[in-house]
Amino acid sequence: MAARGAPRRRLVGLEFAGVGAIAMLSVLAVSWRQDWSLIVPLVLALVTFPGTLVYARLLAGEP
């Protein structure tokens, strides 16, 4: 979904993939019972949101 279609639809696909990856990594970290591995999904969540804002700002210039 993030590889085809209009840029706005790709942005939605990118967000969906980010949420899925964060959820999957969080579940794995909890199932392994290792607190240190929760750092990865937290960092991914912190990086995904600003990345989406930058991408959306680039799309704002398109008709």
PDB file of N, CA and C in Angstrom:
ATOM      1  N   MET A   1       0.815  -1.182   0.000  1.00  0.00           N
ATOM      2  CA  MET A   1       0.000   0.000   0.000  1.00  0.00           C
ATOM      3  C   MET A   1       0.867   1.259   0.000  1.00  0.00           C
ATOM      4  N   ALA A   2       2.030   1.185   0.613  1.00  0.00           N
ATOM      5  CA  ALA A   2       2.886   2.364   0.667  1.00  0.00           C
ATOM      6  C   ALA A   2       3.740   2.511  -0.583  1.00  0.00           C
ATOM      7  N   ALA A   3       3.700   1.541  -1.488  1.00  0.00           N
ATOM      8  CA  ALA A   3       4.544   1.594  -2.671  1.00  0.00           C
ATOM      9  C   ALA A   3       3.786   2.033  -3.922  1.00  0.00           C
ATOM     10  N   ARG A   4       2.463   1.985  -3.899  1.00  0.00           N
ATOM     11  CA  ARG A   4       1.676   2.321  -5.086  1.00  0.00           C
ATOM     12  C   ARG A   4       0.657   3.391  -4.756  1.00  0.00           C
ATOM     13  N   GLY A   5       0.165   4.028  -5.802  1.00  0.00           N
ATOM     14  CA  GLY A   5      -0.927   4.978  -5.625  1.00  0.00           C
ATOM     15  C   GLY A   5      -0.458   6.411  -5.483  1.00  0.00           C
ATOM     16  N   ALA A   6      -1.417   7.233  -5.151  1.00  0.00           N
ATOM     17  CA  ALA A   6      -1.154   8.661  -4.987  1.00  0.00           C
ATOM     18  C   ALA A   6      -0.291   8.896  -3.747  1.00  0.00           C
ATOM     19  N   PRO A   7       0.447   9.978  -3.732  1.00  0.00           N
ATOM     20  CA  PRO A   7       1.312  10.252  -2.573  1.00  0.00           C
ATOM     21  C   PRO A   7       0.566  10.308  -1.248  1.00  0.00           C
ATOM     22  N   ARG A   8      -0.648  10.829  -1.255  1.00  0.00           N
ATOM     23  CA  ARG A   8      -1.412  10.895  -0.006  1.00  0.00           C
ATOM     24  C   ARG A   8      -1.785   9.501   0.487  1.00  0.00           C
ATOM     25  N   ARG A   9      -2.083   8.600  -0.418  1.00  0.00           N
ATOM     26  CA  ARG A   9      -2.388   7.218  -0.019  1.00  0.00           C
ATOM     27  C   ARG A   9      -1.128   6.499   0.459  1.00  0.00           C
ATOM     28  N   ARG A  10       0.001   6.831  -0.131  1.00  0.00           N
ATOM     29  CA  ARG A  10       1.256   6.230   0.325  1.00  0.00           C
ATOM     30  C   ARG A  10       1.590   6.685   1.735  1.00  0.00           C
ATOM     31  N   LEU A  11       1.241   7.918   2.056  1.00  0.00           N
ATOM     32  CA  LEU A  11       1.462   8.419   3.409  1.00  0.00           C
ATOM     33  C   LEU A  11       0.643   7.624   4.417  1.00  0.00           C
ATOM     34  N   VAL A  12      -0.594   7.309   4.072  1.00  0.00           N
ATOM     35  CA  VAL A  12      -1.438   6.492   4.947  1.00  0.00           C
ATOM     36  C   VAL A  12      -0.836   5.100   5.097  1.00  0.00           C
ATOM     37  N   GLY A  13      -0.340   4.534   4.012  1.00  0.00           N
ATOM     38  CA  GLY A  13       0.304   3.226   4.079  1.00  0.00           C
ATOM     39  C   GLY A  13       1.559   3.244   4.933  1.00  0.00           C
ATOM     40  N   LEU A  14       2.308   4.310   4.841  1.00  0.00           N
ATOM     41  CA  LEU A  14       3.514   4.453   5.657  1.00  0.00           C
ATOM     42  C   LEU A  14       3.164   4.527   7.135  1.00  0.00           C
ATOM     43  N   GLU A  15       2.135   5.273   7.467  1.00  0.00           N
ATOM     44  CA  GLU A  15       1.688   5.362   8.859  1.00  0.00           C
ATOM     45  C   GLU A  15       1.194   4.004   9.364  1.00  0.00           C
ATOM     46  N   PHE A  16       0.432   3.302   8.532  1.00  0.00           N
ATOM     47  CA  PHE A  16      -0.083   1.992   8.922  1.00  0.00           C
ATOM     48  C   PHE A  16       1.061   1.010   9.164  1.00  0.00           C
ATOM     49  N   ALA A  17       2.066   1.042   8.297  1.00  0.00           N
ATOM     50  CA  ALA A  17       3.222   0.157   8.481  1.00  0.00           C
ATOM     51  C   ALA A  17       3.984   0.510   9.752  1.00  0.00           C
ATOM     52  N   GLY A  18       4.101   1.785  10.043  1.00  0.00           N
ATOM     53  CA  GLY A  18       4.776   2.203  11.272  1.00  0.00           C
ATOM     54  C   GLY A  18       4.043   1.746  12.517  1.00  0.00           C
ATOM     55  N   VAL A  19       2.732   1.897  12.517  1.00  0.00           N
ATOM     56  CA  VAL A  19       1.934   1.459  13.669  1.00  0.00           C
ATOM     57  C   VAL A  19       2.019  -0.053  13.826  1.00  0.00           C
ATOM     58  N   GLY A  20       1.970  -0.769  12.711  1.00  0.00           N
ATOM     59  CA  GLY A  20       2.084  -2.229  12.772  1.00  0.00           C
ATOM     60  C   GLY A  20       3.430  -2.681  13.310  1.00  0.00           C
ATOM     61  N   ALA A  21       4.487  -2.033  12.873  1.00  0.00           N
ATOM     62  CA  ALA A  21       5.821  -2.393  13.353  1.00  0.00           C
ATOM     63  C   ALA A  21       5.983  -2.083  14.836  1.00  0.00           C
ATOM     64  N   ILE A  22       5.460  -0.951  15.266  1.00  0.00           N
ATOM     65  CA  ILE A  22       5.542  -0.594  16.686  1.00  0.00           C
ATOM     66  C   ILE A  22       4.767  -1.594  17.528  1.00  0.00           C
ATOM     67  N   ALA A  23       3.569  -1.957  17.077  1.00  0.00           N
ATOM     68  CA  ALA A  23       2.757  -2.927  17.823  1.00  0.00           C
ATOM     69  C   ALA A  23       3.441  -4.289  17.884  1.00  0.00           C
ATOM     70  N   MET A  24       3.982  -4.742  16.754  1.00  0.00           N
ATOM     71  CA  MET A  24       4.640  -6.043  16.711  1.00  0.00           C
ATOM     72  C   MET A  24       5.870  -6.070  17.621  1.00  0.00           C
ATOM     73  N   LEU A  25       6.683  -5.037  17.573  1.00  0.00           N
ATOM     74  CA  LEU A  25       7.875  -4.993  18.411  1.00  0.00           C
ATOM     75  C   LEU A  25       7.524  -4.887  19.889  1.00  0.00           C
ATOM     76  N   SER A  26       6.450  -4.172  20.202  1.00  0.00           N
ATOM     77  CA  SER A  26       6.021  -4.071  21.603  1.00  0.00           C
ATOM     78  C   SER A  26       5.541  -5.413  22.130  1.00  0.00           C
ATOM     79  N   VAL A  27       4.767  -6.128  21.327  1.00  0.00           N
ATOM     80  CA  VAL A  27       4.283  -7.452  21.746  1.00  0.00           C
ATOM     81  C   VAL A  27       5.449  -8.411  21.927  1.00  0.00           C
ATOM     82  N   LEU A  28       6.412  -8.376  21.026  1.00  0.00           N
ATOM     83  CA  LEU A  28       7.586  -9.244  21.166  1.00  0.00           C
ATOM     84  C   LEU A  28       8.378  -8.904  22.424  1.00  0.00           C
ATOM     85  N   ALA A  29       8.539  -7.633  22.706  1.00  0.00           N
ATOM     86  CA  ALA A  29       9.293  -7.226  23.897  1.00  0.00           C
ATOM     87  C   ALA A  29       8.601  -7.690  25.171  1.00  0.00           C
ATOM     88  N   VAL A  30       7.282  -7.576  25.208  1.00  0.00           N
ATOM     89  CA  VAL A  30       6.545  -8.010  26.396  1.00  0.00           C
ATOM     90  C   VAL A  30       6.561  -9.529  26.514  1.00  0.00           C
ATOM     91  N   SER A  31       6.434 -10.227  25.395  1.00  0.00           N
ATOM     92  CA  SER A  31       6.420 -11.693  25.458  1.00  0.00           C
ATOM     93  C   SER A  31       7.785 -12.256  25.848  1.00  0.00           C
ATOM     94  N   TRP A  32       8.867 -11.560  25.501  1.00  0.00           N
ATOM     95  CA  TRP A  32      10.205 -12.015  25.899  1.00  0.00           C
ATOM     96  C   TRP A  32      10.532 -11.617  27.332  1.00  0.00           C
ATOM     97  N   ARG A  33       9.713 -10.746  27.925  1.00  0.00           N
ATOM     98  CA  ARG A  33       9.892 -10.262  29.298  1.00  0.00           C
ATOM     99  C   ARG A  33      11.252  -9.599  29.505  1.00  0.00           C
ATOM    100  N   GLN A  34      11.632  -8.801  28.536  1.00  0.00           N
ATOM    101  CA  GLN A  34      12.886  -8.057  28.634  1.00  0.00           C
ATOM    102  C   GLN A  34      12.561  -6.575  28.456  1.00  0.00           C
ATOM    103  N   ASP A  35      12.683  -5.849  29.537  1.00  0.00           N
ATOM    104  CA  ASP A  35      12.309  -4.439  29.511  1.00  0.00           C
ATOM    105  C   ASP A  35      13.185  -3.607  28.581  1.00  0.00           C
ATOM    106  N   TRP A  36      14.434  -3.962  28.452  1.00  0.00           N
ATOM    107  CA  TRP A  36      15.337  -3.167  27.630  1.00  0.00           C
ATOM    108  C   TRP A  36      14.921  -3.185  26.159  1.00  0.00           C
ATOM    109  N   SER A  37      14.230  -4.236  25.725  1.00  0.00           N
ATOM    110  CA  SER A  37      13.849  -4.312  24.314  1.00  0.00           C
ATOM    111  C   SER A  37      12.646  -3.427  23.982  1.00  0.00           C
ATOM    112  N   LEU A  38      12.029  -2.809  24.975  1.00  0.00           N
ATOM    113  CA  LEU A  38      10.956  -1.847  24.707  1.00  0.00           C
ATOM    114  C   LEU A  38      11.499  -0.523  24.181  1.00  0.00           C
ATOM    115  N   ILE A  39      12.805  -0.345  24.255  1.00  0.00           N
ATOM    116  CA  ILE A  39      13.415   0.889  23.754  1.00  0.00           C
ATOM    117  C   ILE A  39      13.225   1.010  22.244  1.00  0.00           C
ATOM    118  N   VAL A  40      13.331  -0.099  21.539  1.00  0.00           N
ATOM    119  CA  VAL A  40      13.239  -0.068  20.073  1.00  0.00           C
ATOM    120  C   VAL A  40      11.876   0.442  19.595  1.00  0.00           C
ATOM    121  N   PRO A  41      10.743  -0.118  20.058  1.00  0.00           N
ATOM    122  CA  PRO A  41       9.468   0.436  19.583  1.00  0.00           C
ATOM    123  C   PRO A  41       9.220   1.875  20.049  1.00  0.00           C
ATOM    124  N   LEU A  42       9.732   2.238  21.211  1.00  0.00           N
ATOM    125  CA  LEU A  42       9.560   3.620  21.663  1.00  0.00           C
ATOM    126  C   LEU A  42      10.326   4.595  20.774  1.00  0.00           C
ATOM    127  N   VAL A  43      11.540   4.239  20.410  1.00  0.00           N
ATOM    128  CA  VAL A  43      12.325   5.098  19.516  1.00  0.00           C
ATOM    129  C   VAL A  43      11.675   5.154  18.137  1.00  0.00           C
ATOM    130  N   LEU A  44      11.172   4.010  17.670  1.00  0.00           N
ATOM    131  CA  LEU A  44      10.489   3.987  16.374  1.00  0.00           C
ATOM    132  C   LEU A  44       9.262   4.888  16.391  1.00  0.00           C
ATOM    133  N   ALA A  45       8.532   4.876  17.482  1.00  0.00           N
ATOM    134  CA  ALA A  45       7.358   5.751  17.595  1.00  0.00           C
ATOM    135  C   ALA A  45       7.769   7.220  17.590  1.00  0.00           C
ATOM    136  N   LEU A  46       8.868   7.539  18.250  1.00  0.00           N
ATOM    137  CA  LEU A  46       9.332   8.927  18.290  1.00  0.00           C
ATOM    138  C   LEU A  46       9.865   9.401  16.945  1.00  0.00           C
ATOM    139  N   VAL A  47      10.389   8.490  16.139  1.00  0.00           N
ATOM    140  CA  VAL A  47      10.952   8.860  14.841  1.00  0.00           C
ATOM    141  C   VAL A  47       9.875   8.871  13.753  1.00  0.00           C
ATOM    142  N   THR A  48       8.889   8.002  13.862  1.00  0.00           N
ATOM    143  CA  THR A  48       7.862   7.889  12.831  1.00  0.00           C
ATOM    144  C   THR A  48       7.007   9.149  12.733  1.00  0.00           C
ATOM    145  N   PHE A  49       6.610   9.690  13.865  1.00  0.00           N
ATOM    146  CA  PHE A  49       5.719  10.855  13.842  1.00  0.00           C
ATOM    147  C   PHE A  49       6.354  12.077  13.181  1.00  0.00           C
ATOM    148  N   PRO A  50       7.562  12.492  13.561  1.00  0.00           N
ATOM    149  CA  PRO A  50       8.162  13.642  12.859  1.00  0.00           C
ATOM    150  C   PRO A  50       8.436  13.354  11.382  1.00  0.00           C
ATOM    151  N   GLY A  51       8.769  12.113  11.073  1.00  0.00           N
ATOM    152  CA  GLY A  51       8.975  11.762   9.671  1.00  0.00           C
ATOM    153  C   GLY A  51       7.713  11.938   8.851  1.00  0.00           C
ATOM    154  N   THR A  52       6.594  11.585   9.433  1.00  0.00           N
ATOM    155  CA  THR A  52       5.313  11.763   8.760  1.00  0.00           C
ATOM    156  C   THR A  52       4.991  13.242   8.584  1.00  0.00           C
ATOM    157  N   LEU A  53       5.309  14.039   9.576  1.00  0.00           N
ATOM    158  CA  LEU A  53       5.061  15.475   9.457  1.00  0.00           C
ATOM    159  C   LEU A  53       5.891  16.092   8.330  1.00  0.00           C
ATOM    160  N   VAL A  54       7.129  15.661   8.199  1.00  0.00           N
ATOM    161  CA  VAL A  54       7.983  16.177   7.122  1.00  0.00           C
ATOM    162  C   VAL A  54       7.432  15.756   5.768  1.00  0.00           C
ATOM    163  N   TYR A  55       7.025  14.500   5.655  1.00  0.00           N
ATOM    164  CA  TYR A  55       6.474  13.995   4.400  1.00  0.00           C
ATOM    165  C   TYR A  55       5.177  14.728   4.054  1.00  0.00           C
ATOM    166  N   ALA A  56       4.332  14.966   5.047  1.00  0.00           N
ATOM    167  CA  ALA A  56       3.079  15.687   4.809  1.00  0.00           C
ATOM    168  C   ALA A  56       3.350  17.130   4.388  1.00  0.00           C
ATOM    169  N   ARG A  57       4.369  17.727   4.953  1.00  0.00           N
ATOM    170  CA  ARG A  57       4.705  19.103   4.561  1.00  0.00           C
ATOM    171  C   ARG A  57       5.188  19.147   3.115  1.00  0.00           C
ATOM    172  N   LEU A  58       5.936  18.134   2.699  1.00  0.00           N
ATOM    173  CA  LEU A  58       6.366  18.071   1.304  1.00  0.00           C
ATOM    174  C   LEU A  58       5.175  17.885   0.372  1.00  0.00           C
ATOM    175  N   LEU A  59       4.180  17.116   0.818  1.00  0.00           N
ATOM    176  CA  LEU A  59       2.987  16.898   0.000  1.00  0.00           C
ATOM    177  C   LEU A  59       2.097  18.134  -0.071  1.00  0.00           C
ATOM    178  N   ALA A  60       2.221  19.020   0.888  1.00  0.00           N
ATOM    179  CA  ALA A  60       1.359  20.203   0.924  1.00  0.00           C
ATOM    180  C   ALA A  60       1.573  21.098  -0.292  1.00  0.00           C
ATOM    181  N   GLY A  61       2.733  21.033  -0.878  1.00  0.00           N
ATOM    182  CA  GLY A  61       3.006  21.847  -2.053  1.00  0.00           C
ATOM    183  C   GLY A  61       2.424  21.283  -3.331  1.00  0.00           C
ATOM    184  N   GLU A  62       1.987  20.021  -3.320  1.00  0.00           N
ATOM    185  CA  GLU A  62       1.419  19.397  -4.517  1.00  0.00           C
ATOM    186  C   GLU A  62      -0.056  19.749  -4.663  1.00  0.00           C
ATOM    187  N   PRO A  63      -0.538  19.823  -5.910  1.00  0.00           N
ATOM    188  CA  PRO A  63      -1.973  20.114  -6.116  1.00  0.00           C
ATOM    189  C   PRO A  63      -2.852  18.931  -5.788  1.00  0.00           C
TER     190      PRO A  63
END
